Amino acid sequence: MRMIKNGYLYQVTFMARVFPVNCYLVEEEDGLTLIDAALGFCTKGIMKAAESIGKPITKIVLTHAHEDHVGALDSIKEMLPAVPVYISVRDNRLMNGDRSLDPHEAQTAIKGGVPKKLKTRPSILLKEGDLIGSLTAIETPGHTPGSMSFLDLRTKALIAGDALQTRGGMAVAGDIVPWFPFPAFGTWSKETAMISARKLVSYQPELLAVGHGEMVMNPRKEMEQAIKHLERKIG
């Protein structure tokens, strides 16, 4: 486990050299907001990271329901039964095994694994603009229909889940990066992801933090280049 601090944001990374999986701790006055829960074996590392900061985890927020983002959720919830869990209204359906699509959504199959034995269910369902401490929720469908990103209003740090990746180079969800293609393989609609990526650029983030790869300072130019790259591929 590796932890890197940038302002109020702590990136907690597992398997950093081989298959990096990130989750994040966002520091608030009264505690920490955990964004995503990595893989099943990551529980001790996440709790150790929080302990080293010296504040309790008071909220658990999920960018989406894929197994590498909810893997340690049950075991963390067992340790912290009173802590609320947040996920989008839309990905709550996916968490419950519902892979159906709405008429306005891209009619391609939802991809990626969701743990069938996951017991924990959200306490609070999120929609566009909801506030969770210092974070504002941004609907960014594409990787999954209900994917969400979170912008820290204090610093403009953007935690974007798998809406983009930085491992192997900056890429929008669905754009296959040869050195690390796995997020693309799990993406439902790259066309929808591209629209969401444009939306994220409009927030003018000062830092980009994603599910797979390093944090990037002043990321807007790289994000715009990644969008153009996927645009050319889609044609």
C-alpha atoms as a PDB file:
ATOM      1  CA  MET A   1       0.000   0.000   0.000  1.00  0.00           C
ATOM      2  CA  ARG A   2       1.215   3.483  -0.913  1.00  0.00           C
ATOM      3  CA  MET A   3      -0.213   6.825   0.182  1.00  0.00           C
ATOM      4  CA  ILE A   4       0.402  10.220  -1.442  1.00  0.00           C
ATOM      5  CA  LYS A   5      -0.987  13.484  -0.045  1.00  0.00           C
ATOM      6  CA  ASN A   6      -1.995  16.519  -2.067  1.00  0.00           C
ATOM      7  CA  GLY A   7      -3.809  19.203  -0.084  1.00  0.00           C
ATOM      8  CA  TYR A   8      -6.880  17.641   1.521  1.00  0.00           C
ATOM      9  CA  LEU A   9      -6.656  14.593  -0.733  1.00  0.00           C
ATOM     10  CA  TYR A  10      -4.846  11.325   0.031  1.00  0.00           C
ATOM     11  CA  GLN A  11      -4.393   8.785  -2.744  1.00  0.00           C
ATOM     12  CA  VAL A  12      -4.189   5.240  -1.380  1.00  0.00           C
ATOM     13  CA  THR A  13      -2.799   2.839  -3.992  1.00  0.00           C
ATOM     14  CA  PHE A  14      -2.576  -0.938  -4.025  1.00  0.00           C
ATOM     15  CA  MET A  15      -0.387  -2.944  -6.445  1.00  0.00           C
ATOM     16  CA  ALA A  16       1.088   0.348  -7.648  1.00  0.00           C
ATOM     17  CA  ARG A  17       3.673  -1.167  -9.991  1.00  0.00           C
ATOM     18  CA  VAL A  18       1.618  -3.966 -11.499  1.00  0.00           C
ATOM     19  CA  PHE A  19      -2.106  -3.182 -11.561  1.00  0.00           C
ATOM     20  CA  PRO A  20      -2.652   0.080  -9.692  1.00  0.00           C
ATOM     21  CA  VAL A  21      -5.985   0.345  -7.920  1.00  0.00           C
ATOM     22  CA  ASN A  22      -6.655   3.642  -6.160  1.00  0.00           C
ATOM     23  CA  CYS A  23      -9.058   4.778  -3.516  1.00  0.00           C
ATOM     24  CA  TYR A  24      -9.029   8.179  -1.842  1.00  0.00           C
ATOM     25  CA  LEU A  25      -9.419   9.786   1.553  1.00  0.00           C
ATOM     26  CA  VAL A  26     -10.658  13.380   1.580  1.00  0.00           C
ATOM     27  CA  GLU A  27      -9.922  15.279   4.780  1.00  0.00           C
ATOM     28  CA  GLU A  28     -12.706  17.314   6.371  1.00  0.00           C
ATOM     29  CA  GLU A  29     -12.699  19.118   9.718  1.00  0.00           C
ATOM     30  CA  ASP A  30     -14.594  16.321  11.455  1.00  0.00           C
ATOM     31  CA  GLY A  31     -13.185  13.281   9.688  1.00  0.00           C
ATOM     32  CA  LEU A  32     -12.415  11.569   6.409  1.00  0.00           C
ATOM     33  CA  THR A  33     -14.528  10.740   3.379  1.00  0.00           C
ATOM     34  CA  LEU A  34     -13.449   7.474   1.758  1.00  0.00           C
ATOM     35  CA  ILE A  35     -13.973   7.487  -2.000  1.00  0.00           C
ATOM     36  CA  ASP A  36     -14.175   3.903  -3.321  1.00  0.00           C
ATOM     37  CA  ALA A  37     -13.196   0.733  -1.527  1.00  0.00           C
ATOM     38  CA  ALA A  38     -10.670  -0.920  -3.863  1.00  0.00           C
ATOM     39  CA  LEU A  39     -10.401  -4.731  -3.744  1.00  0.00           C
ATOM     40  CA  GLY A  40     -11.295  -7.215  -1.048  1.00  0.00           C
ATOM     41  CA  PHE A  41      -7.780  -7.569   0.356  1.00  0.00           C
ATOM     42  CA  CYS A  42      -7.375  -3.792   0.785  1.00  0.00           C
ATOM     43  CA  THR A  43      -9.352  -3.352   4.021  1.00  0.00           C
ATOM     44  CA  LYS A  44      -6.377  -3.279   6.391  1.00  0.00           C
ATOM     45  CA  GLY A  45      -4.455  -0.881   4.168  1.00  0.00           C
ATOM     46  CA  ILE A  46      -7.377   1.534   3.936  1.00  0.00           C
ATOM     47  CA  MET A  47      -7.918   1.498   7.691  1.00  0.00           C
ATOM     48  CA  LYS A  48      -4.190   1.915   8.320  1.00  0.00           C
ATOM     49  CA  ALA A  49      -4.119   4.917   5.972  1.00  0.00           C
ATOM     50  CA  ALA A  50      -6.979   6.563   7.844  1.00  0.00           C
ATOM     51  CA  GLU A  51      -5.294   5.832  11.175  1.00  0.00           C
ATOM     52  CA  SER A  52      -2.071   7.449   9.997  1.00  0.00           C
ATOM     53  CA  ILE A  53      -3.975  10.643   9.140  1.00  0.00           C
ATOM     54  CA  GLY A  54      -5.477  10.611  12.610  1.00  0.00           C
ATOM     55  CA  LYS A  55      -9.140  11.120  11.769  1.00  0.00           C
ATOM     56  CA  PRO A  56     -12.063   8.687  11.544  1.00  0.00           C
ATOM     57  CA  ILE A  57     -13.765   7.684   8.312  1.00  0.00           C
ATOM     58  CA  THR A  58     -17.203   9.336   8.533  1.00  0.00           C
ATOM     59  CA  LYS A  59     -18.513   8.770   4.971  1.00  0.00           C
ATOM     60  CA  ILE A  60     -18.002   6.178   2.230  1.00  0.00           C
ATOM     61  CA  VAL A  61     -18.660   7.433  -1.296  1.00  0.00           C
ATOM     62  CA  LEU A  62     -18.584   5.217  -4.397  1.00  0.00           C
ATOM     63  CA  THR A  63     -17.843   6.448  -7.912  1.00  0.00           C
ATOM     64  CA  HIS A  64     -19.471   3.321  -9.372  1.00  0.00           C
ATOM     65  CA  ALA A  65     -20.316  -0.271  -8.512  1.00  0.00           C
ATOM     66  CA  HIS A  66     -17.518  -2.271 -10.163  1.00  0.00           C
ATOM     67  CA  GLU A  67     -15.728  -4.828  -8.014  1.00  0.00           C
ATOM     68  CA  ASP A  68     -12.374  -3.023  -7.938  1.00  0.00           C
ATOM     69  CA  HIS A  69     -14.153  -0.021  -6.393  1.00  0.00           C
ATOM     70  CA  VAL A  70     -16.405  -1.834  -3.889  1.00  0.00           C
ATOM     71  CA  GLY A  71     -14.260  -4.874  -3.054  1.00  0.00           C
ATOM     72  CA  ALA A  72     -13.498  -3.993   0.575  1.00  0.00           C
ATOM     73  CA  LEU A  73     -16.860  -2.340   1.208  1.00  0.00           C
ATOM     74  CA  ASP A  74     -18.452  -5.133   3.234  1.00  0.00           C
ATOM     75  CA  SER A  75     -15.472  -5.609   5.540  1.00  0.00           C
ATOM     76  CA  ILE A  76     -15.043  -1.860   6.091  1.00  0.00           C
ATOM     77  CA  LYS A  77     -18.772  -1.506   6.818  1.00  0.00           C
ATOM     78  CA  GLU A  78     -18.527  -4.312   9.379  1.00  0.00           C
ATOM     79  CA  MET A  79     -15.847  -2.285  11.165  1.00  0.00           C
ATOM     80  CA  LEU A  80     -17.727   1.009  10.740  1.00  0.00           C
ATOM     81  CA  PRO A  81     -21.429   0.065  10.849  1.00  0.00           C
ATOM     82  CA  ALA A  82     -22.673   3.612  11.526  1.00  0.00           C
ATOM     83  CA  VAL A  83     -20.851   5.197   8.565  1.00  0.00           C
ATOM     84  CA  PRO A  84     -23.193   6.052   5.668  1.00  0.00           C
ATOM     85  CA  VAL A  85     -22.517   4.759   2.163  1.00  0.00           C
ATOM     86  CA  TYR A  86     -23.263   6.905  -0.899  1.00  0.00           C
ATOM     87  CA  ILE A  87     -23.701   5.904  -4.559  1.00  0.00           C
ATOM     88  CA  SER A  88     -25.591   7.393  -7.495  1.00  0.00           C
ATOM     89  CA  VAL A  89     -29.278   6.662  -7.966  1.00  0.00           C
ATOM     90  CA  ARG A  90     -28.433   5.020 -11.290  1.00  0.00           C
ATOM     91  CA  ASP A  91     -25.556   2.781 -10.166  1.00  0.00           C
ATOM     92  CA  ASN A  92     -27.566   1.641  -7.162  1.00  0.00           C
ATOM     93  CA  ARG A  93     -29.490  -0.394  -9.732  1.00  0.00           C
ATOM     94  CA  LEU A  94     -26.270  -1.962 -10.987  1.00  0.00           C
ATOM     95  CA  MET A  95     -25.197  -2.713  -7.426  1.00  0.00           C
ATOM     96  CA  ASN A  96     -28.451  -4.632  -7.067  1.00  0.00           C
ATOM     97  CA  GLY A  97     -27.782  -6.690 -10.177  1.00  0.00           C
ATOM     98  CA  ASP A  98     -30.067  -4.738 -12.512  1.00  0.00           C
ATOM     99  CA  ARG A  99     -28.272  -4.365 -15.867  1.00  0.00           C
ATOM    100  CA  SER A 100     -31.295  -3.005 -17.721  1.00  0.00           C
ATOM    101  CA  LEU A 101     -30.972   0.208 -19.726  1.00  0.00           C
ATOM    102  CA  ASP A 102     -33.214   3.243 -19.901  1.00  0.00           C
ATOM    103  CA  PRO A 103     -34.571   4.312 -23.318  1.00  0.00           C
ATOM    104  CA  HIS A 104     -32.351   7.418 -23.497  1.00  0.00           C
ATOM    105  CA  GLU A 105     -29.152   5.487 -22.738  1.00  0.00           C
ATOM    106  CA  ALA A 106     -26.767   3.869 -25.235  1.00  0.00           C
ATOM    107  CA  GLN A 107     -28.213   0.444 -25.937  1.00  0.00           C
ATOM    108  CA  THR A 108     -25.019  -1.522 -25.432  1.00  0.00           C
ATOM    109  CA  ALA A 109     -24.471  -4.064 -22.690  1.00  0.00           C
ATOM    110  CA  ILE A 110     -23.199  -2.857 -19.336  1.00  0.00           C
ATOM    111  CA  LYS A 111     -19.747  -4.325 -18.787  1.00  0.00           C
ATOM    112  CA  GLY A 112     -17.529  -5.031 -15.806  1.00  0.00           C
ATOM    113  CA  GLY A 113     -18.024  -7.157 -12.735  1.00  0.00           C
ATOM    114  CA  VAL A 114     -20.199  -6.348  -9.733  1.00  0.00           C
ATOM    115  CA  PRO A 115     -19.738  -8.667  -6.728  1.00  0.00           C
ATOM    116  CA  LYS A 116     -22.783 -10.934  -6.470  1.00  0.00           C
ATOM    117  CA  LYS A 117     -22.212 -11.537  -2.759  1.00  0.00           C
ATOM    118  CA  LEU A 118     -21.923  -7.850  -1.820  1.00  0.00           C
ATOM    119  CA  LYS A 119     -24.091  -7.309   1.269  1.00  0.00           C
ATOM    120  CA  THR A 120     -23.705  -3.562   1.829  1.00  0.00           C
ATOM    121  CA  ARG A 121     -26.263  -1.266   0.276  1.00  0.00           C
ATOM    122  CA  PRO A 122     -26.137   2.534   0.158  1.00  0.00           C
ATOM    123  CA  SER A 123     -27.644   4.715   2.850  1.00  0.00           C
ATOM    124  CA  ILE A 124     -27.911   7.734   0.537  1.00  0.00           C
ATOM    125  CA  LEU A 125     -28.492   7.907  -3.223  1.00  0.00           C
ATOM    126  CA  LEU A 126     -26.763  10.750  -5.045  1.00  0.00           C
ATOM    127  CA  LYS A 127     -27.770  12.934  -7.950  1.00  0.00           C
ATOM    128  CA  GLU A 128     -26.136  15.811  -9.818  1.00  0.00           C
ATOM    129  CA  GLY A 129     -25.081  18.687  -7.562  1.00  0.00           C
ATOM    130  CA  ASP A 130     -25.488  16.927  -4.223  1.00  0.00           C
ATOM    131  CA  LEU A 131     -22.958  17.969  -1.583  1.00  0.00           C
ATOM    132  CA  ILE A 132     -21.004  15.512   0.559  1.00  0.00           C
ATOM    133  CA  GLY A 133     -18.946  17.645   2.895  1.00  0.00           C
ATOM    134  CA  SER A 134     -16.662  19.716   0.659  1.00  0.00           C
ATOM    135  CA  LEU A 135     -17.411  17.575  -2.394  1.00  0.00           C
ATOM    136  CA  THR A 136     -19.982  18.208  -5.094  1.00  0.00           C
ATOM    137  CA  ALA A 137     -21.343  15.231  -7.021  1.00  0.00           C
ATOM    138  CA  ILE A 138     -21.094  15.279 -10.822  1.00  0.00           C
ATOM    139  CA  GLU A 139     -22.935  12.729 -12.953  1.00  0.00           C
ATOM    140  CA  THR A 140     -20.403  11.308 -15.422  1.00  0.00           C
ATOM    141  CA  PRO A 141     -21.971   8.296 -17.146  1.00  0.00           C
ATOM    142  CA  GLY A 142     -19.934   6.298 -19.614  1.00  0.00           C
ATOM    143  CA  HIS A 143     -17.832   3.743 -17.785  1.00  0.00           C
ATOM    144  CA  THR A 144     -21.107   2.694 -16.168  1.00  0.00           C
ATOM    145  CA  PRO A 145     -24.493   4.396 -16.646  1.00  0.00           C
ATOM    146  CA  GLY A 146     -24.374   5.779 -13.111  1.00  0.00           C
ATOM    147  CA  SER A 147     -20.711   6.697 -12.731  1.00  0.00           C
ATOM    148  CA  MET A 148     -20.074   9.799 -10.638  1.00  0.00           C
ATOM    149  CA  SER A 149     -17.143  12.135 -10.128  1.00  0.00           C
ATOM    150  CA  PHE A 150     -16.532  14.432  -7.163  1.00  0.00           C
ATOM    151  CA  LEU A 151     -15.037  17.926  -7.119  1.00  0.00           C
ATOM    152  CA  ASP A 152     -13.537  19.352  -3.932  1.00  0.00           C
ATOM    153  CA  LEU A 153     -14.877  22.910  -3.880  1.00  0.00           C
ATOM    154  CA  ARG A 154     -11.955  24.078  -1.716  1.00  0.00           C
ATOM    155  CA  THR A 155      -9.185  23.096  -4.116  1.00  0.00           C
ATOM    156  CA  LYS A 156     -10.796  22.043  -7.424  1.00  0.00           C
ATOM    157  CA  ALA A 157      -9.349  18.565  -6.980  1.00  0.00           C
ATOM    158  CA  LEU A 158     -11.419  16.208  -9.142  1.00  0.00           C
ATOM    159  CA  ILE A 159     -11.848  12.563  -8.170  1.00  0.00           C
ATOM    160  CA  ALA A 160     -13.158  10.969 -11.349  1.00  0.00           C
ATOM    161  CA  GLY A 161     -13.230   7.214 -10.734  1.00  0.00           C
ATOM    162  CA  ASP A 162     -12.885   5.467 -14.085  1.00  0.00           C
ATOM    163  CA  ALA A 163     -14.242   8.356 -16.186  1.00  0.00           C
ATOM    164  CA  LEU A 164     -10.586   8.706 -17.202  1.00  0.00           C
ATOM    165  CA  GLN A 165      -7.385   6.817 -16.521  1.00  0.00           C
ATOM    166  CA  THR A 166      -3.805   8.026 -16.255  1.00  0.00           C
ATOM    167  CA  ARG A 167      -2.033   4.655 -16.098  1.00  0.00           C
ATOM    168  CA  GLY A 168      -0.290   4.197 -19.436  1.00  0.00           C
ATOM    169  CA  GLY A 169      -1.209   7.751 -20.446  1.00  0.00           C
ATOM    170  CA  MET A 170      -4.276   9.952 -20.072  1.00  0.00           C
ATOM    171  CA  ALA A 171      -7.333   8.362 -21.687  1.00  0.00           C
ATOM    172  CA  VAL A 172     -11.098   8.697 -21.598  1.00  0.00           C
ATOM    173  CA  ALA A 173     -13.037   5.616 -20.471  1.00  0.00           C
ATOM    174  CA  GLY A 174     -13.424   3.234 -23.390  1.00  0.00           C
ATOM    175  CA  ASP A 175     -10.276   4.344 -25.210  1.00  0.00           C
ATOM    176  CA  ILE A 176      -7.975   1.319 -25.141  1.00  0.00           C
ATOM    177  CA  VAL A 177      -4.474   2.066 -23.859  1.00  0.00           C
ATOM    178  CA  PRO A 178      -2.198  -0.837 -24.891  1.00  0.00           C
ATOM    179  CA  TRP A 179      -0.130  -0.639 -21.688  1.00  0.00           C
ATOM    180  CA  PHE A 180      -3.218  -0.757 -19.453  1.00  0.00           C
ATOM    181  CA  PRO A 181      -6.417  -1.633 -21.363  1.00  0.00           C
ATOM    182  CA  PHE A 182      -8.504  -2.929 -18.465  1.00  0.00           C
ATOM    183  CA  PRO A 183     -10.642   0.165 -17.673  1.00  0.00           C
ATOM    184  CA  ALA A 184     -11.576   0.362 -21.358  1.00  0.00           C
ATOM    185  CA  PHE A 185     -12.630  -3.300 -21.359  1.00  0.00           C
ATOM    186  CA  GLY A 186     -15.063  -2.544 -18.533  1.00  0.00           C
ATOM    187  CA  THR A 187     -16.567   0.561 -20.150  1.00  0.00           C
ATOM    188  CA  TRP A 188     -20.224   0.537 -21.164  1.00  0.00           C
ATOM    189  CA  SER A 189     -20.338   3.474 -23.636  1.00  0.00           C
ATOM    190  CA  LYS A 190     -17.256   5.330 -24.835  1.00  0.00           C
ATOM    191  CA  GLU A 191     -19.435   7.856 -26.684  1.00  0.00           C
ATOM    192  CA  THR A 192     -21.207   8.712 -23.430  1.00  0.00           C
ATOM    193  CA  ALA A 193     -17.859   8.749 -21.595  1.00  0.00           C
ATOM    194  CA  MET A 194     -16.522  11.304 -24.050  1.00  0.00           C
ATOM    195  CA  ILE A 195     -19.451  13.644 -23.331  1.00  0.00           C
ATOM    196  CA  SER A 196     -18.811  13.248 -19.601  1.00  0.00           C
ATOM    197  CA  ALA A 197     -15.095  13.963 -20.035  1.00  0.00           C
ATOM    198  CA  ARG A 198     -15.934  17.237 -21.792  1.00  0.00           C
ATOM    199  CA  LYS A 199     -18.218  18.063 -18.888  1.00  0.00           C
ATOM    200  CA  LEU A 200     -15.393  17.448 -16.406  1.00  0.00           C
ATOM    201  CA  VAL A 201     -13.011  19.752 -18.300  1.00  0.00           C
ATOM    202  CA  SER A 202     -15.628  22.516 -17.983  1.00  0.00           C
ATOM    203  CA  TYR A 203     -15.170  22.435 -14.191  1.00  0.00           C
ATOM    204  CA  GLN A 204     -11.552  23.524 -14.761  1.00  0.00           C
ATOM    205  CA  PRO A 205     -10.009  21.075 -12.277  1.00  0.00           C
ATOM    206  CA  GLU A 206      -6.644  21.882 -10.751  1.00  0.00           C
ATOM    207  CA  LEU A 207      -5.885  18.231 -10.017  1.00  0.00           C
ATOM    208  CA  LEU A 208      -7.204  14.984 -11.495  1.00  0.00           C
ATOM    209  CA  ALA A 209      -7.367  11.823  -9.401  1.00  0.00           C
ATOM    210  CA  VAL A 210      -8.600   8.598 -11.009  1.00  0.00           C
ATOM    211  CA  GLY A 211      -9.117   4.948 -10.194  1.00  0.00           C
ATOM    212  CA  HIS A 212      -6.055   3.718 -12.087  1.00  0.00           C
ATOM    213  CA  GLY A 213      -2.897   5.781 -12.379  1.00  0.00           C
ATOM    214  CA  GLU A 214      -1.120   8.728 -10.824  1.00  0.00           C
ATOM    215  CA  MET A 215      -2.685  12.049  -9.868  1.00  0.00           C
ATOM    216  CA  VAL A 216      -2.138  14.812 -12.427  1.00  0.00           C
ATOM    217  CA  MET A 217      -1.741  18.492 -11.584  1.00  0.00           C
ATOM    218  CA  ASN A 218      -3.181  21.082 -13.989  1.00  0.00           C
ATOM    219  CA  PRO A 219      -4.771  18.293 -16.056  1.00  0.00           C
ATOM    220  CA  ARG A 220      -7.012  20.237 -18.426  1.00  0.00           C
ATOM    221  CA  LYS A 221      -4.724  20.232 -21.467  1.00  0.00           C
ATOM    222  CA  GLU A 222      -4.073  16.493 -21.144  1.00  0.00           C
ATOM    223  CA  MET A 223      -7.787  15.843 -20.652  1.00  0.00           C
ATOM    224  CA  GLU A 224      -8.612  17.814 -23.793  1.00  0.00           C
ATOM    225  CA  GLN A 225      -5.980  15.875 -25.757  1.00  0.00           C
ATOM    226  CA  ALA A 226      -7.428  12.579 -24.501  1.00  0.00           C
ATOM    227  CA  ILE A 227     -10.918  13.654 -25.607  1.00  0.00           C
ATOM    228  CA  LYS A 228      -9.642  14.600 -29.072  1.00  0.00           C
ATOM    229  CA  HIS A 229      -7.837  11.253 -29.325  1.00  0.00           C
ATOM    230  CA  LEU A 230     -11.041   9.329 -28.674  1.00  0.00           C
ATOM    231  CA  GLU A 231     -13.018  11.635 -30.983  1.00  0.00           C
ATOM    232  CA  ARG A 232     -10.665  10.734 -33.838  1.00  0.00           C
ATOM    233  CA  LYS A 233     -11.048   7.023 -33.090  1.00  0.00           C
ATOM    234  CA  ILE A 234     -14.836   7.184 -33.022  1.00  0.00           C
ATOM    235  CA  GLY A 235     -14.885   9.333 -36.147  1.00  0.00           C
END
